[in-house]
Amino acid sequence: MPRTRKEPDFEQSLAELESLVTRMEQGDMTLEQSLEAFENGVKLTRECQQRLEKAEQRVQVLIEQNGELTAKPLEAFDQE
């Protein structure tokens, strides 16, 4: 069975993105290195955004209704 590569979690991706930005801000990269770093940064940004969206979908707010706690999706509050 082929080994599946585990994707880094949100914190790891964010730390890698921050490190990448720091290296780019130093200005020591060639144009080609900068373009490659930029492409990697865009990829990391998209991965982080997707993870945040998934986390938001999982967030539920507990509200009390008729003496019972009921799970209500977070999006429902945006529409009220």
Foldseek 3Di string as FASTA:
>chain_A
DDDDDDDDDLVVLVVVLVVLVVVVVVVPDDPVVNVVSVVSNVVSVVVNVVNVVVVLQVDWDWDADPNDTDTDRPVVVVVD
